[in-house]
Amino acid sequence: MMIIMKPDATEEQIQHVVDRLAGVGARGHVSRGEFVTIIGAIGDREQISTLPFDAMPGVDRVMPILKPYKLASRQTHPDDTVIHVGSCSLGGGAFALIAGPCSVESEEQYMKAARLARDAGASMLRGGAYKPRTSPYSFQGLGEDGLKIMAAAREETGLPIVTELMDPRDVEIVLRYANVIQIGTRNMQNFQLLSEVGKVERPVLLKRGMSATIEELLMAAEYILKEGNSDVILCERGIRTFETATRFTLDLSAIPVIKKHSHLPVVVDPSHATGKRDLVLPLSLASVAVGADGLLVETHPDPEEALCDGSQSLPVSEFAAFATEIRRYVEMGGRRLS
């Protein structure tokens, strides 16, 4: 349920409600808006219902949470969540352009891509050190050596890095290097992994499963949020349908639907959605138009020689023109490229 506090409720009164919830084994998730504070009560409903909220000082009213995802819902958090990664912001009018190769293949390859991404105005760098592949014989990434290369690129460019975590046993090592932890589509419902990243103080970029509904994506985010990590970024990356013209079908409707029901920021990965570089720009512009808070775009110095996903990667020589067009559309909508 939601406990709506009065506009003039004091910090002591808010803390009193949180303490009473803790007394029955529940948790109070405090969301402070511009005019009102809402406390989301998470725990055993029967135990929570025994508390006399109406009699507590500072409480205005109590309302049920109708969505199965409690903490991800706009009911408990009406304002947009804004996530800060270094000097970069994402959400609430701030738009992030995250760029880089699908995987870190060598120091030369990644540093060239990183420098050009920085010069073109990218907000963050992406890259895979651990690569989940359909075939066990495909390139699987460089592991920690790849993370070290990404860290060196961050040191030179000043851009935060986003990289994928696949195994709960690798949490510690990825935390040494990553500014944002990515959970890939194949792990969206790896609930043990989601709970582990929910315990760390690091933003998490959660990709939608290729056959997952929007509600299932938000429930996956709930696993992270309930552990205390409130910095969750959702990612629409295309879903499986009957259509074979593209690698997946980019569900553009998911962005406004998610933003209607959830306060969490949403980014779009047009590269994986289409599998075709000539479709990346038009679908990126469409993503901006429907309200996405950022883009996750693959770039490569020489896509023809890429060890994975070369057909969907923009040549870094073309990325500056791409970024200029994205910035123009972002600013037309009254937002800013972070």
Protein backbone atom coordinates (compact mmCIF):
# COMPACT_ATOMS: atom_id res chain seq x y z
CA MET A 1 0.00 0.00 0.00
CA MET A 2 0.94 3.67 -0.26
CA ILE A 3 0.95 6.04 2.69
CA ILE A 4 0.43 9.59 1.40
CA MET A 5 1.91 12.14 3.79
CA LYS A 6 0.54 15.63 4.28
CA PRO A 7 2.41 18.43 2.46
CA ASP A 8 3.64 19.80 5.80
CA ALA A 9 4.67 16.42 7.24
CA THR A 10 7.97 16.62 9.11
CA GLU A 11 10.97 14.32 8.70
CA GLU A 12 10.25 12.94 12.17
CA GLN A 13 6.70 12.02 11.17
CA ILE A 14 7.92 10.36 7.97
CA GLN A 15 10.55 8.40 9.89
CA HIS A 16 7.93 7.37 12.47
CA VAL A 17 5.86 5.70 9.73
CA VAL A 18 8.96 3.95 8.35
CA ASP A 19 9.86 2.73 11.86
CA ARG A 20 6.36 1.39 12.49
CA LEU A 21 6.53 -0.54 9.21
CA ALA A 22 9.88 -2.00 10.20
CA GLY A 23 8.31 -3.07 13.48
CA VAL A 24 6.01 -5.50 11.63
CA GLY A 25 8.75 -6.79 9.35
CA ALA A 26 7.91 -4.52 6.40
CA ARG A 27 9.94 -1.87 4.61
CA GLY A 28 9.00 1.73 3.91
CA HIS A 29 10.23 3.06 0.57
CA VAL A 30 10.20 6.87 0.80
CA SER A 31 9.62 8.86 -2.40
CA ARG A 32 9.84 12.64 -2.04
CA GLY A 33 8.07 14.64 -4.72
CA GLU A 34 7.95 18.39 -5.20
CA PHE A 35 4.77 18.77 -3.15
CA VAL A 36 4.14 15.49 -1.39
CA THR A 37 5.97 12.53 0.11
CA ILE A 38 4.76 8.97 -0.51
CA ILE A 39 5.82 5.95 1.51
CA GLY A 40 5.48 2.62 -0.25
CA ALA A 41 4.85 -0.17 2.26
CA ILE A 42 6.53 -3.38 1.06
CA GLY A 43 5.98 -6.59 2.98
CA ASP A 44 3.30 -8.89 4.39
CA ARG A 45 -0.04 -7.25 3.60
CA GLU A 46 -1.81 -8.70 6.64
CA GLN A 47 0.86 -7.42 9.01
CA ILE A 48 0.93 -3.98 7.37
CA SER A 49 -2.86 -3.68 7.58
CA THR A 50 -2.71 -3.95 11.39
CA LEU A 51 -1.00 -0.57 11.65
CA PRO A 52 -3.24 2.46 12.40
CA PHE A 53 -1.86 4.77 9.71
CA ASP A 54 -4.82 7.15 9.87
CA ALA A 55 -3.95 7.89 13.47
CA MET A 56 -0.27 8.61 12.80
CA PRO A 57 0.80 12.28 12.75
CA GLY A 58 1.51 13.64 9.28
CA VAL A 59 -0.41 10.92 7.39
CA ASP A 60 -2.96 12.23 4.90
CA ARG A 61 -4.41 9.00 3.51
CA VAL A 62 -3.66 5.40 2.60
CA MET A 63 -4.12 3.90 -0.87
CA PRO A 64 -3.59 0.41 -2.30
CA ILE A 65 -0.86 -0.18 -4.88
CA LEU A 66 -2.68 -1.68 -7.83
CA LYS A 67 0.34 -2.76 -9.87
CA PRO A 68 2.22 -5.99 -9.07
CA TYR A 69 5.47 -4.01 -9.42
CA LYS A 70 5.36 -1.78 -6.35
CA LEU A 71 8.62 0.16 -6.39
CA ALA A 72 8.84 0.54 -10.18
CA SER A 73 5.31 1.98 -10.34
CA ARG A 74 4.46 5.67 -10.74
CA GLN A 75 1.96 5.17 -7.96
CA THR A 76 4.74 5.08 -5.40
CA HIS A 77 7.09 7.42 -7.27
CA PRO A 78 5.16 9.98 -9.38
CA ASP A 79 8.20 11.96 -10.55
CA ASP A 80 10.67 10.73 -13.17
CA THR A 81 13.77 9.12 -11.74
CA VAL A 82 16.95 10.88 -12.86
CA ILE A 83 20.10 8.76 -12.76
CA HIS A 84 23.52 10.39 -12.50
CA VAL A 85 26.62 8.63 -13.80
CA GLY A 86 29.62 10.87 -13.28
CA SER A 87 28.83 14.14 -15.05
CA CYS A 88 26.18 12.41 -17.20
CA SER A 89 22.47 12.44 -16.32
CA LEU A 90 19.70 10.26 -17.72
CA GLY A 91 15.96 10.87 -17.35
CA GLY A 92 13.89 13.90 -16.44
CA GLY A 93 14.76 15.74 -19.67
CA ALA A 94 18.39 14.61 -19.82
CA PHE A 95 19.17 12.36 -22.80
CA ALA A 96 22.16 10.00 -22.87
CA LEU A 97 23.92 8.75 -26.00
CA ILE A 98 25.81 5.55 -25.15
CA ALA A 99 28.13 4.31 -27.89
CA GLY A 100 30.88 1.81 -28.55
CA PRO A 101 31.63 -1.61 -30.02
CA CYS A 102 29.55 -4.67 -29.22
CA SER A 103 32.65 -6.28 -27.74
CA VAL A 104 36.13 -5.20 -26.74
CA GLU A 105 38.37 -6.95 -29.27
CA SER A 106 41.71 -5.19 -28.74
CA GLU A 107 43.13 -2.06 -27.16
CA GLU A 108 43.63 -0.40 -30.55
CA GLN A 109 40.07 -1.13 -31.68
CA TYR A 110 38.40 0.05 -28.49
CA MET A 111 40.51 3.16 -27.91
CA LYS A 112 39.86 4.38 -31.46
CA ALA A 113 36.12 3.89 -31.05
CA ALA A 114 36.18 5.58 -27.62
CA ARG A 115 38.06 8.66 -28.82
CA LEU A 116 35.74 9.20 -31.77
CA ALA A 117 32.66 8.66 -29.59
CA ARG A 118 33.94 11.29 -27.16
CA ASP A 119 34.70 13.77 -29.96
CA ALA A 120 31.21 13.29 -31.40
CA GLY A 121 29.57 14.06 -28.06
CA ALA A 122 28.72 10.63 -26.64
CA SER A 123 27.61 10.59 -23.01
CA MET A 124 28.96 7.14 -22.10
CA LEU A 125 30.93 4.26 -23.61
CA ARG A 126 29.56 0.76 -24.07
CA GLY A 127 31.43 -2.47 -24.68
CA GLY A 128 31.29 -6.14 -23.83
CA ALA A 129 34.08 -7.93 -21.96
CA TYR A 130 31.88 -10.98 -21.33
CA LYS A 131 29.77 -11.83 -24.37
CA PRO A 132 26.79 -14.21 -24.19
CA ARG A 133 26.59 -15.84 -27.63
CA THR A 134 24.13 -18.30 -29.08
CA SER A 135 26.97 -20.51 -30.28
CA PRO A 136 29.57 -21.71 -27.73
CA TYR A 137 32.16 -21.51 -30.52
CA SER A 138 31.68 -17.78 -31.14
CA PHE A 139 33.92 -15.09 -29.63
CA GLN A 140 33.07 -14.88 -25.93
CA GLY A 141 34.95 -11.70 -25.01
CA LEU A 142 38.28 -10.87 -23.36
CA GLY A 143 37.06 -11.05 -19.76
CA GLU A 144 39.01 -8.93 -17.26
CA ASP A 145 41.51 -7.89 -19.94
CA GLY A 146 38.60 -6.31 -21.79
CA LEU A 147 37.48 -4.52 -18.63
CA LYS A 148 40.98 -3.11 -18.18
CA ILE A 149 40.94 -1.74 -21.73
CA MET A 150 37.57 -0.09 -21.06
CA ALA A 151 38.91 1.44 -17.84
CA ALA A 152 41.87 2.86 -19.78
CA ALA A 153 39.46 4.37 -22.31
CA ARG A 154 37.50 5.97 -19.49
CA GLU A 155 40.71 7.40 -18.06
CA GLU A 156 41.60 9.02 -21.40
CA THR A 157 38.16 10.19 -22.52
CA GLY A 158 36.50 10.95 -19.19
CA LEU A 159 33.39 9.02 -20.28
CA PRO A 160 31.73 6.50 -17.93
CA ILE A 161 31.57 2.89 -19.13
CA VAL A 162 28.65 0.47 -19.44
CA THR A 163 29.40 -3.24 -19.59
CA GLU A 164 27.49 -6.49 -19.18
CA LEU A 165 27.48 -8.77 -16.15
CA MET A 166 26.45 -12.37 -16.80
CA ASP A 167 27.34 -14.31 -13.66
CA PRO A 168 26.76 -13.48 -9.96
CA ARG A 169 30.28 -14.78 -9.32
CA ASP A 170 31.68 -11.91 -11.42
CA VAL A 171 29.94 -9.08 -9.54
CA GLU A 172 33.06 -8.07 -7.60
CA ILE A 173 35.33 -7.96 -10.64
CA VAL A 174 32.87 -6.02 -12.81
CA LEU A 175 32.33 -3.53 -9.98
CA ARG A 176 36.05 -2.72 -10.04
CA TYR A 177 35.71 -1.31 -13.54
CA ALA A 178 32.11 -0.53 -14.57
CA ASN A 179 30.21 2.69 -13.96
CA VAL A 180 26.95 1.06 -15.12
CA ILE A 181 26.23 -2.68 -14.97
CA GLN A 182 24.26 -4.04 -17.91
CA ILE A 183 21.99 -7.06 -17.52
CA GLY A 184 21.45 -8.55 -20.96
CA THR A 185 18.27 -9.83 -22.52
CA ARG A 186 19.10 -13.48 -21.80
CA ASN A 187 19.47 -12.69 -18.09
CA MET A 188 16.44 -10.46 -17.64
CA GLN A 189 14.77 -13.16 -15.54
CA ASN A 190 17.92 -14.47 -13.86
CA PHE A 191 16.48 -13.53 -10.49
CA GLN A 192 19.56 -14.45 -8.49
CA LEU A 193 21.67 -12.14 -10.64
CA LEU A 194 19.07 -9.36 -10.39
CA SER A 195 19.03 -9.63 -6.60
CA GLU A 196 22.83 -9.47 -6.47
CA VAL A 197 23.05 -6.25 -8.50
CA GLY A 198 20.23 -4.87 -6.36
CA LYS A 199 22.63 -4.95 -3.40
CA VAL A 200 25.35 -2.82 -5.00
CA GLU A 201 25.63 0.94 -5.30
CA ARG A 202 25.91 1.11 -9.07
CA PRO A 203 23.33 1.96 -11.76
CA VAL A 204 21.93 -1.07 -13.59
CA LEU A 205 20.86 -1.06 -17.24
CA LEU A 206 18.27 -3.83 -17.59
CA LYS A 207 17.48 -5.07 -21.10
CA ARG A 208 14.06 -6.43 -21.98
CA GLY A 209 13.97 -10.15 -22.70
CA MET A 210 13.41 -11.01 -26.33
CA SER A 211 10.06 -12.66 -25.50
CA ALA A 212 9.20 -10.68 -22.35
CA THR A 213 6.10 -8.57 -21.80
CA ILE A 214 6.39 -5.04 -20.45
CA GLU A 215 5.01 -6.20 -17.11
CA GLU A 216 7.65 -8.94 -16.92
CA LEU A 217 10.36 -6.34 -17.58
CA LEU A 218 9.04 -4.14 -14.78
CA MET A 219 8.78 -7.13 -12.44
CA ALA A 220 12.43 -7.93 -13.23
CA ALA A 221 13.31 -4.34 -12.31
CA GLU A 222 11.41 -4.86 -9.06
CA TYR A 223 13.89 -7.57 -8.05
CA ILE A 224 16.67 -4.97 -8.22
CA LEU A 225 14.70 -2.18 -6.57
CA LYS A 226 13.51 -4.26 -3.64
CA GLU A 227 17.13 -4.94 -2.63
CA GLY A 228 17.75 -1.21 -2.25
CA ASN A 229 19.27 -0.18 -5.59
CA SER A 230 17.02 2.57 -6.97
CA ASP A 231 19.20 3.38 -10.01
CA VAL A 232 17.63 1.17 -12.67
CA ILE A 233 17.58 2.02 -16.39
CA LEU A 234 15.24 -0.01 -18.60
CA CYS A 235 16.21 -0.88 -22.18
CA GLU A 236 13.95 -1.77 -25.10
CA ARG A 237 16.06 -3.82 -27.53
CA GLY A 238 13.51 -5.51 -29.76
CA ILE A 239 11.31 -8.56 -29.25
CA ARG A 240 10.72 -11.76 -31.18
CA THR A 241 7.75 -11.71 -33.54
CA PHE A 242 6.85 -13.52 -36.77
CA GLU A 243 8.67 -10.82 -38.80
CA THR A 244 12.01 -11.82 -40.36
CA ALA A 245 12.93 -8.62 -42.20
CA THR A 246 14.86 -7.46 -39.14
CA ARG A 247 16.76 -9.31 -36.44
CA PHE A 248 14.04 -8.48 -33.91
CA THR A 249 11.02 -6.16 -33.92
CA LEU A 250 11.66 -2.86 -32.14
CA ASP A 251 8.63 -2.23 -29.92
CA LEU A 252 8.48 1.56 -30.01
CA SER A 253 5.12 1.52 -28.23
CA ALA A 254 6.87 0.09 -25.18
CA ILE A 255 8.58 3.41 -24.43
CA PRO A 256 5.46 5.57 -23.83
CA VAL A 257 3.68 2.62 -22.17
CA ILE A 258 6.54 2.11 -19.71
CA LYS A 259 6.83 5.83 -19.01
CA LYS A 260 3.10 5.98 -18.30
CA HIS A 261 3.28 3.26 -15.68
CA SER A 262 6.83 3.60 -14.34
CA HIS A 263 9.13 6.39 -13.21
CA LEU A 264 12.27 4.57 -14.40
CA PRO A 265 14.18 5.97 -17.40
CA VAL A 266 14.06 4.03 -20.68
CA VAL A 267 16.76 3.74 -23.33
CA VAL A 268 16.54 2.05 -26.73
CA ASP A 269 19.03 -0.25 -28.44
CA PRO A 270 18.24 0.09 -32.17
CA SER A 271 21.38 -1.83 -33.16
CA HIS A 272 20.33 -5.16 -31.65
CA ALA A 273 16.69 -4.58 -32.53
CA THR A 274 17.27 -4.35 -36.27
CA GLY A 275 20.61 -6.03 -36.91
CA LYS A 276 21.05 -3.59 -39.81
CA ARG A 277 23.09 -0.41 -39.61
CA ASP A 278 21.00 1.47 -42.21
CA LEU A 279 17.98 1.20 -39.90
CA VAL A 280 19.77 2.48 -36.80
CA LEU A 281 19.32 6.20 -37.54
CA PRO A 282 15.60 6.19 -38.47
CA LEU A 283 14.68 4.04 -35.49
CA SER A 284 16.87 6.15 -33.21
CA LEU A 285 15.03 9.27 -34.32
CA ALA A 286 11.71 7.50 -33.79
CA SER A 287 12.84 6.49 -30.29
CA VAL A 288 13.62 10.12 -29.46
CA ALA A 289 10.19 11.14 -30.78
CA VAL A 290 8.28 8.70 -28.53
CA GLY A 291 10.13 9.80 -25.40
CA ALA A 292 13.17 7.57 -24.91
CA ASP A 293 15.70 8.87 -22.40
CA GLY A 294 18.72 7.59 -24.30
CA LEU A 295 20.17 5.38 -27.00
CA LEU A 296 22.55 2.43 -26.82
CA VAL A 297 24.28 2.34 -30.21
CA GLU A 298 27.01 0.07 -31.52
CA THR A 299 29.96 1.63 -33.35
CA HIS A 300 33.13 0.02 -34.68
CA PRO A 301 36.30 1.29 -36.43
CA ASP A 302 35.95 -1.42 -39.09
CA PRO A 303 32.57 -3.21 -38.96
CA GLU A 304 33.59 -5.58 -41.75
CA GLU A 305 36.30 -7.01 -39.46
CA ALA A 306 34.22 -7.00 -36.24
CA LEU A 307 34.26 -10.25 -34.26
CA CYS A 308 30.54 -9.88 -33.55
CA ASP A 309 27.59 -7.81 -34.78
CA GLY A 310 29.49 -5.99 -37.51
CA SER A 311 26.39 -5.75 -39.72
CA GLN A 312 24.57 -3.61 -37.15
CA SER A 313 27.50 -1.43 -36.08
CA LEU A 314 27.88 2.13 -37.35
CA PRO A 315 31.39 2.90 -38.65
CA VAL A 316 32.97 5.31 -36.18
CA SER A 317 33.70 7.61 -39.13
CA GLU A 318 29.92 8.12 -39.49
CA PHE A 319 29.12 8.45 -35.81
CA ALA A 320 29.67 12.22 -35.58
CA ALA A 321 27.01 12.87 -38.24
CA PHE A 322 24.69 10.43 -36.45
CA ALA A 323 25.20 12.17 -33.09
CA THR A 324 24.57 15.59 -34.64
CA GLU A 325 21.22 14.44 -36.01
CA ILE A 326 20.23 12.87 -32.68
CA ARG A 327 21.16 16.04 -30.80
CA ARG A 328 19.03 18.13 -33.16
CA TYR A 329 15.95 15.99 -32.52
CA VAL A 330 16.55 15.86 -28.77
CA GLU A 331 16.76 19.66 -28.57
CA MET A 332 13.69 20.06 -30.79
CA GLY A 333 11.77 18.20 -28.11
CA GLY A 334 12.95 20.62 -25.41
CA ARG A 335 15.46 18.22 -23.88
CA ARG A 336 19.24 18.19 -23.68
CA LEU A 337 21.94 15.73 -24.63
CA SER A 338 23.75 14.97 -21.39
